[in-house]
Amino acid sequence: MPSVTTVCINKNKINNLPVFVDEIRRKFPSIKILSMMNNEAAPSYFNGGSLTQYIDYRQYVISQIPGLETLDDTEVLENERAQARKTYWLEQKGQNSRKRKEDSSGKHTPAEKLKYSQ
């Protein structure tokens, strides 16, 4: 649905943030406003989440959906977007490198095996 720009999915039973955000990004490429309040995957003060969990949630979603302008009821600020890119850039790069290695050899390197076993 490339023309959808707003998705409000408040008060549902969403509990797997990476899977949900990936689906949103793929199915709604023009999304500008996303509201996920009152879901387990969207921690906040109101549903028992800590401030640290809330900030991490916002950074993750913003890093994965770069065109997002509003998350829940709060505008995405440029400094928040920059911090989100900084926080999750290494993780994304690491996942892409790991994927390429798996694709080329079909196996994990010894360092990756160690990392996965921890």
N, C-alpha and C. Protein backbone atom coordinates (compact mmCIF):
# COMPACT_ATOMS: atom_id res chain seq x y z
N MET A 1 0.83 -1.17 0.00
CA MET A 1 0.00 0.00 0.00
C MET A 1 0.89 1.25 0.00
N PRO A 2 1.41 1.61 -1.14
CA PRO A 2 2.38 2.70 -1.21
C PRO A 2 1.81 4.09 -0.91
N SER A 3 0.50 4.27 -0.95
CA SER A 3 -0.04 5.61 -0.71
C SER A 3 -0.39 5.87 0.76
N VAL A 4 -0.37 4.85 1.60
CA VAL A 4 -0.71 5.03 3.02
C VAL A 4 0.42 5.77 3.73
N THR A 5 0.08 6.86 4.42
CA THR A 5 1.09 7.64 5.14
C THR A 5 0.90 7.61 6.65
N THR A 6 -0.25 7.14 7.11
CA THR A 6 -0.54 7.12 8.55
C THR A 6 -1.06 5.74 8.96
N VAL A 7 -0.45 5.18 10.00
CA VAL A 7 -0.91 3.90 10.55
C VAL A 7 -1.03 4.06 12.05
N CYS A 8 -2.24 3.86 12.56
CA CYS A 8 -2.50 3.88 14.00
C CYS A 8 -2.91 2.48 14.41
N ILE A 9 -2.11 1.86 15.21
CA ILE A 9 -2.36 0.49 15.63
C ILE A 9 -2.24 0.40 17.15
N ASN A 10 -2.84 1.38 17.81
CA ASN A 10 -2.79 1.48 19.26
C ASN A 10 -3.59 0.36 19.92
N LYS A 11 -3.14 0.00 21.10
CA LYS A 11 -3.86 -0.94 21.96
C LYS A 11 -4.17 -2.26 21.27
N ASN A 12 -3.13 -2.86 20.72
CA ASN A 12 -3.24 -4.20 20.15
C ASN A 12 -2.30 -5.11 20.93
N LYS A 13 -1.95 -6.22 20.37
CA LYS A 13 -1.09 -7.16 21.09
C LYS A 13 0.23 -7.35 20.34
N ILE A 14 0.82 -6.25 19.93
CA ILE A 14 2.09 -6.30 19.20
C ILE A 14 3.20 -6.45 20.23
N ASN A 15 3.99 -7.53 20.09
CA ASN A 15 5.04 -7.75 21.07
C ASN A 15 6.41 -8.01 20.45
N ASN A 16 6.50 -8.10 19.14
CA ASN A 16 7.79 -8.32 18.48
C ASN A 16 8.10 -7.11 17.61
N LEU A 17 8.82 -6.16 18.18
CA LEU A 17 9.07 -4.89 17.51
C LEU A 17 9.82 -5.04 16.18
N PRO A 18 10.93 -5.79 16.12
CA PRO A 18 11.66 -5.88 14.84
C PRO A 18 10.80 -6.44 13.70
N VAL A 19 10.04 -7.47 13.98
CA VAL A 19 9.20 -8.07 12.93
C VAL A 19 8.12 -7.08 12.50
N PHE A 20 7.48 -6.45 13.48
CA PHE A 20 6.41 -5.51 13.16
C PHE A 20 6.93 -4.32 12.35
N VAL A 21 8.04 -3.75 12.79
CA VAL A 21 8.59 -2.58 12.09
C VAL A 21 9.01 -2.95 10.67
N ASP A 22 9.58 -4.13 10.49
CA ASP A 22 9.96 -4.58 9.15
C ASP A 22 8.73 -4.69 8.25
N GLU A 23 7.64 -5.24 8.78
CA GLU A 23 6.40 -5.35 8.01
C GLU A 23 5.85 -3.96 7.64
N ILE A 24 5.85 -3.06 8.60
CA ILE A 24 5.36 -1.70 8.34
C ILE A 24 6.20 -1.04 7.25
N ARG A 25 7.52 -1.15 7.36
CA ARG A 25 8.42 -0.52 6.38
C ARG A 25 8.17 -1.09 4.98
N ARG A 26 7.98 -2.39 4.88
CA ARG A 26 7.79 -3.00 3.56
C ARG A 26 6.40 -2.71 2.99
N LYS A 27 5.38 -2.77 3.83
CA LYS A 27 4.01 -2.64 3.33
C LYS A 27 3.56 -1.19 3.15
N PHE A 28 4.18 -0.28 3.89
CA PHE A 28 3.79 1.13 3.83
C PHE A 28 5.04 1.99 3.60
N PRO A 29 5.59 1.96 2.41
CA PRO A 29 6.85 2.67 2.15
C PRO A 29 6.76 4.19 2.27
N SER A 30 5.57 4.76 2.24
CA SER A 30 5.40 6.21 2.33
C SER A 30 4.99 6.66 3.73
N ILE A 31 5.09 5.79 4.71
CA ILE A 31 4.60 6.11 6.05
C ILE A 31 5.32 7.32 6.64
N LYS A 32 4.54 8.20 7.21
CA LYS A 32 5.06 9.41 7.87
C LYS A 32 4.67 9.43 9.35
N ILE A 33 3.51 8.86 9.67
CA ILE A 33 2.99 8.86 11.04
C ILE A 33 2.67 7.43 11.45
N LEU A 34 3.26 7.00 12.57
CA LEU A 34 3.01 5.67 13.11
C LEU A 34 2.68 5.82 14.59
N SER A 35 1.58 5.23 14.99
CA SER A 35 1.21 5.24 16.40
C SER A 35 1.02 3.81 16.86
N MET A 36 1.80 3.44 17.88
CA MET A 36 1.77 2.07 18.43
C MET A 36 1.51 2.08 19.93
N MET A 37 0.95 3.13 20.46
CA MET A 37 0.77 3.25 21.90
C MET A 37 -0.05 2.10 22.48
N ASN A 38 0.27 1.75 23.71
CA ASN A 38 -0.40 0.67 24.45
C ASN A 38 -0.21 -0.70 23.80
N ASN A 39 1.00 -0.94 23.34
CA ASN A 39 1.41 -2.25 22.86
C ASN A 39 2.64 -2.67 23.65
N GLU A 40 2.79 -3.95 23.89
CA GLU A 40 3.96 -4.44 24.61
C GLU A 40 5.26 -4.05 23.93
N ALA A 41 5.26 -4.02 22.61
CA ALA A 41 6.47 -3.69 21.84
C ALA A 41 6.79 -2.20 21.85
N ALA A 42 5.91 -1.39 22.42
CA ALA A 42 6.10 0.07 22.47
C ALA A 42 6.10 0.51 23.93
N PRO A 43 7.18 0.24 24.66
CA PRO A 43 7.18 0.55 26.09
C PRO A 43 7.10 2.05 26.37
N SER A 44 6.34 2.39 27.38
CA SER A 44 6.23 3.78 27.83
C SER A 44 5.88 3.77 29.31
N TYR A 45 5.89 4.94 29.88
CA TYR A 45 5.54 5.10 31.28
C TYR A 45 4.14 4.55 31.54
N PHE A 46 3.24 4.71 30.59
CA PHE A 46 1.84 4.34 30.78
C PHE A 46 1.60 2.83 30.76
N ASN A 47 2.51 2.07 30.18
CA ASN A 47 2.30 0.61 30.18
C ASN A 47 3.42 -0.13 30.92
N GLY A 48 4.09 0.57 31.85
CA GLY A 48 5.08 -0.08 32.70
C GLY A 48 6.50 -0.05 32.20
N GLY A 49 6.75 0.60 31.07
CA GLY A 49 8.10 0.68 30.53
C GLY A 49 8.91 1.78 31.20
N SER A 50 10.21 1.63 31.17
CA SER A 50 11.10 2.65 31.73
C SER A 50 11.41 3.71 30.68
N LEU A 51 11.98 4.81 31.12
CA LEU A 51 12.39 5.86 30.19
C LEU A 51 13.44 5.33 29.22
N THR A 52 14.37 4.53 29.71
CA THR A 52 15.40 3.93 28.86
C THR A 52 14.78 3.05 27.78
N GLN A 53 13.81 2.22 28.16
CA GLN A 53 13.13 1.36 27.18
C GLN A 53 12.39 2.20 26.13
N TYR A 54 11.74 3.26 26.59
CA TYR A 54 11.01 4.13 25.68
C TYR A 54 11.95 4.79 24.67
N ILE A 55 13.07 5.31 25.14
CA ILE A 55 14.04 5.96 24.26
C ILE A 55 14.60 4.95 23.26
N ASP A 56 14.93 3.76 23.73
CA ASP A 56 15.47 2.73 22.83
C ASP A 56 14.43 2.32 21.78
N TYR A 57 13.19 2.17 22.20
CA TYR A 57 12.09 1.86 21.27
C TYR A 57 12.01 2.92 20.18
N ARG A 58 11.99 4.19 20.58
CA ARG A 58 11.90 5.27 19.60
C ARG A 58 13.09 5.27 18.65
N GLN A 59 14.29 5.11 19.20
CA GLN A 59 15.49 5.11 18.35
C GLN A 59 15.45 3.96 17.36
N TYR A 60 15.03 2.80 17.80
CA TYR A 60 14.98 1.65 16.90
C TYR A 60 14.00 1.91 15.75
N VAL A 61 12.78 2.31 16.09
CA VAL A 61 11.76 2.53 15.06
C VAL A 61 12.20 3.63 14.09
N ILE A 62 12.72 4.72 14.61
CA ILE A 62 13.17 5.83 13.77
C ILE A 62 14.31 5.39 12.86
N SER A 63 15.21 4.57 13.37
CA SER A 63 16.34 4.11 12.54
C SER A 63 15.87 3.18 11.41
N GLN A 64 14.81 2.45 11.64
CA GLN A 64 14.33 1.49 10.65
C GLN A 64 13.36 2.09 9.64
N ILE A 65 12.73 3.20 10.01
CA ILE A 65 11.78 3.88 9.11
C ILE A 65 12.26 5.33 8.99
N PRO A 66 13.24 5.58 8.12
CA PRO A 66 13.90 6.89 8.06
C PRO A 66 12.97 8.06 7.71
N GLY A 67 11.91 7.83 7.00
CA GLY A 67 11.01 8.93 6.60
C GLY A 67 9.95 9.27 7.63
N LEU A 68 9.97 8.59 8.76
CA LEU A 68 8.96 8.81 9.79
C LEU A 68 9.05 10.23 10.34
N GLU A 69 7.92 10.91 10.44
CA GLU A 69 7.87 12.28 10.96
C GLU A 69 7.28 12.35 12.37
N THR A 70 6.37 11.42 12.67
CA THR A 70 5.75 11.37 13.99
C THR A 70 5.66 9.92 14.43
N LEU A 71 6.12 9.66 15.66
CA LEU A 71 6.00 8.33 16.26
C LEU A 71 5.16 8.48 17.51
N ASP A 72 4.10 7.71 17.57
CA ASP A 72 3.09 7.83 18.62
C ASP A 72 2.56 9.26 18.58
N ASP A 73 2.66 10.00 19.61
CA ASP A 73 2.11 11.36 19.58
C ASP A 73 3.19 12.43 19.60
N THR A 74 4.43 12.02 19.22
CA THR A 74 5.57 12.93 19.32
C THR A 74 6.30 13.06 17.99
N GLU A 75 6.56 14.29 17.60
CA GLU A 75 7.31 14.56 16.37
C GLU A 75 8.72 13.99 16.49
N VAL A 76 9.22 13.47 15.38
CA VAL A 76 10.60 12.98 15.33
C VAL A 76 11.49 14.18 15.02
N LEU A 77 12.38 14.48 15.96
CA LEU A 77 13.28 15.62 15.81
C LEU A 77 14.57 15.19 15.11
N GLU A 78 15.24 16.13 14.47
CA GLU A 78 16.46 15.80 13.73
C GLU A 78 17.56 15.25 14.63
N ASN A 79 17.71 15.81 15.84
CA ASN A 79 18.73 15.28 16.74
C ASN A 79 18.40 13.85 17.18
N GLU A 80 17.13 13.55 17.31
CA GLU A 80 16.69 12.19 17.65
C GLU A 80 16.98 11.24 16.48
N ARG A 81 16.74 11.71 15.27
CA ARG A 81 17.00 10.91 14.07
C ARG A 81 18.50 10.62 13.94
N ALA A 82 19.32 11.63 14.21
CA ALA A 82 20.77 11.44 14.13
C ALA A 82 21.24 10.43 15.18
N GLN A 83 20.73 10.54 16.39
CA GLN A 83 21.11 9.60 17.45
C GLN A 83 20.64 8.18 17.09
N ALA A 84 19.48 8.05 16.52
CA ALA A 84 18.95 6.74 16.12
C ALA A 84 19.86 6.10 15.07
N ARG A 85 20.29 6.89 14.09
CA ARG A 85 21.21 6.38 13.07
C ARG A 85 22.52 5.93 13.69
N LYS A 86 23.03 6.73 14.61
CA LYS A 86 24.29 6.42 15.28
C LYS A 86 24.17 5.14 16.12
N THR A 87 23.09 5.02 16.87
CA THR A 87 22.90 3.89 17.76
C THR A 87 22.73 2.59 16.99
N TYR A 88 21.95 2.60 15.94
CA TYR A 88 21.62 1.36 15.24
C TYR A 88 22.38 1.13 13.95
N TRP A 89 23.23 2.07 13.53
CA TRP A 89 23.98 1.90 12.29
C TRP A 89 24.92 0.71 12.36
N LEU A 90 25.66 0.58 13.45
CA LEU A 90 26.61 -0.52 13.57
C LEU A 90 25.90 -1.86 13.58
N GLU A 91 24.76 -1.91 14.25
CA GLU A 91 24.00 -3.16 14.28
C GLU A 91 23.55 -3.55 12.88
N GLN A 92 23.04 -2.58 12.12
CA GLN A 92 22.60 -2.86 10.76
C GLN A 92 23.76 -3.31 9.89
N LYS A 93 24.90 -2.61 10.02
CA LYS A 93 26.06 -2.96 9.22
C LYS A 93 26.54 -4.36 9.56
N GLY A 94 26.58 -4.69 10.85
CA GLY A 94 27.00 -6.01 11.29
C GLY A 94 26.08 -7.10 10.76
N GLN A 95 24.79 -6.84 10.77
CA GLN A 95 23.84 -7.83 10.26
C GLN A 95 24.03 -8.02 8.76
N ASN A 96 24.27 -6.94 8.02
CA ASN A 96 24.46 -7.05 6.58
C ASN A 96 25.74 -7.82 6.26
N SER A 97 26.82 -7.56 7.01
CA SER A 97 28.08 -8.27 6.79
C SER A 97 27.90 -9.75 7.07
N ARG A 98 27.23 -10.07 8.18
CA ARG A 98 26.98 -11.46 8.55
C ARG A 98 26.16 -12.14 7.46
N LYS A 99 25.15 -11.47 6.95
CA LYS A 99 24.29 -12.04 5.91
C LYS A 99 25.12 -12.34 4.66
N ARG A 100 25.98 -11.41 4.26
CA ARG A 100 26.81 -11.65 3.07
C ARG A 100 27.71 -12.86 3.28
N LYS A 101 28.32 -13.00 4.46
CA LYS A 101 29.19 -14.14 4.73
C LYS A 101 28.39 -15.44 4.67
N GLU A 102 27.19 -15.43 5.27
CA GLU A 102 26.36 -16.64 5.24
C GLU A 102 25.96 -16.97 3.82
N ASP A 103 25.58 -15.94 3.05
CA ASP A 103 25.15 -16.17 1.68
C ASP A 103 26.28 -16.74 0.83
N SER A 104 27.51 -16.25 1.03
CA SER A 104 28.61 -16.67 0.18
C SER A 104 29.13 -18.06 0.55
N SER A 105 29.13 -18.39 1.83
CA SER A 105 29.71 -19.67 2.21
C SER A 105 28.69 -20.68 2.70
N GLY A 106 27.53 -20.17 3.13
CA GLY A 106 26.54 -21.06 3.70
C GLY A 106 26.87 -21.46 5.13
N LYS A 107 28.00 -20.95 5.66
CA LYS A 107 28.43 -21.28 7.00
C LYS A 107 28.82 -20.02 7.73
N HIS A 108 28.88 -20.13 9.06
CA HIS A 108 29.37 -19.03 9.88
C HIS A 108 30.88 -19.17 10.04
N THR A 109 31.57 -18.03 10.13
CA THR A 109 32.99 -18.06 10.45
C THR A 109 33.15 -18.46 11.90
N PRO A 110 34.35 -18.91 12.33
CA PRO A 110 34.54 -19.28 13.74
C PRO A 110 34.18 -18.15 14.71
N ALA A 111 34.52 -16.91 14.36
CA ALA A 111 34.18 -15.78 15.24
C ALA A 111 32.67 -15.64 15.37
N GLU A 112 31.96 -15.84 14.27
CA GLU A 112 30.50 -15.75 14.32
C GLU A 112 29.92 -16.89 15.15
N LYS A 113 30.48 -18.09 15.03
CA LYS A 113 30.00 -19.22 15.83
C LYS A 113 30.15 -18.90 17.31
N LEU A 114 31.27 -18.30 17.69
CA LEU A 114 31.51 -17.94 19.07
C LEU A 114 30.48 -16.90 19.51
N LYS A 115 30.25 -15.91 18.66
CA LYS A 115 29.31 -14.86 18.99
C LYS A 115 27.90 -15.43 19.17
N TYR A 116 27.49 -16.36 18.32
CA TYR A 116 26.16 -16.94 18.40
C TYR A 116 26.02 -17.87 19.60
N SER A 117 27.11 -18.46 20.04
CA SER A 117 27.01 -19.39 21.15
C SER A 117 26.94 -18.68 22.49
N GLN A 118 27.26 -17.39 22.51
CA GLN A 118 27.26 -16.65 23.78
C GLN A 118 25.90 -16.21 24.17
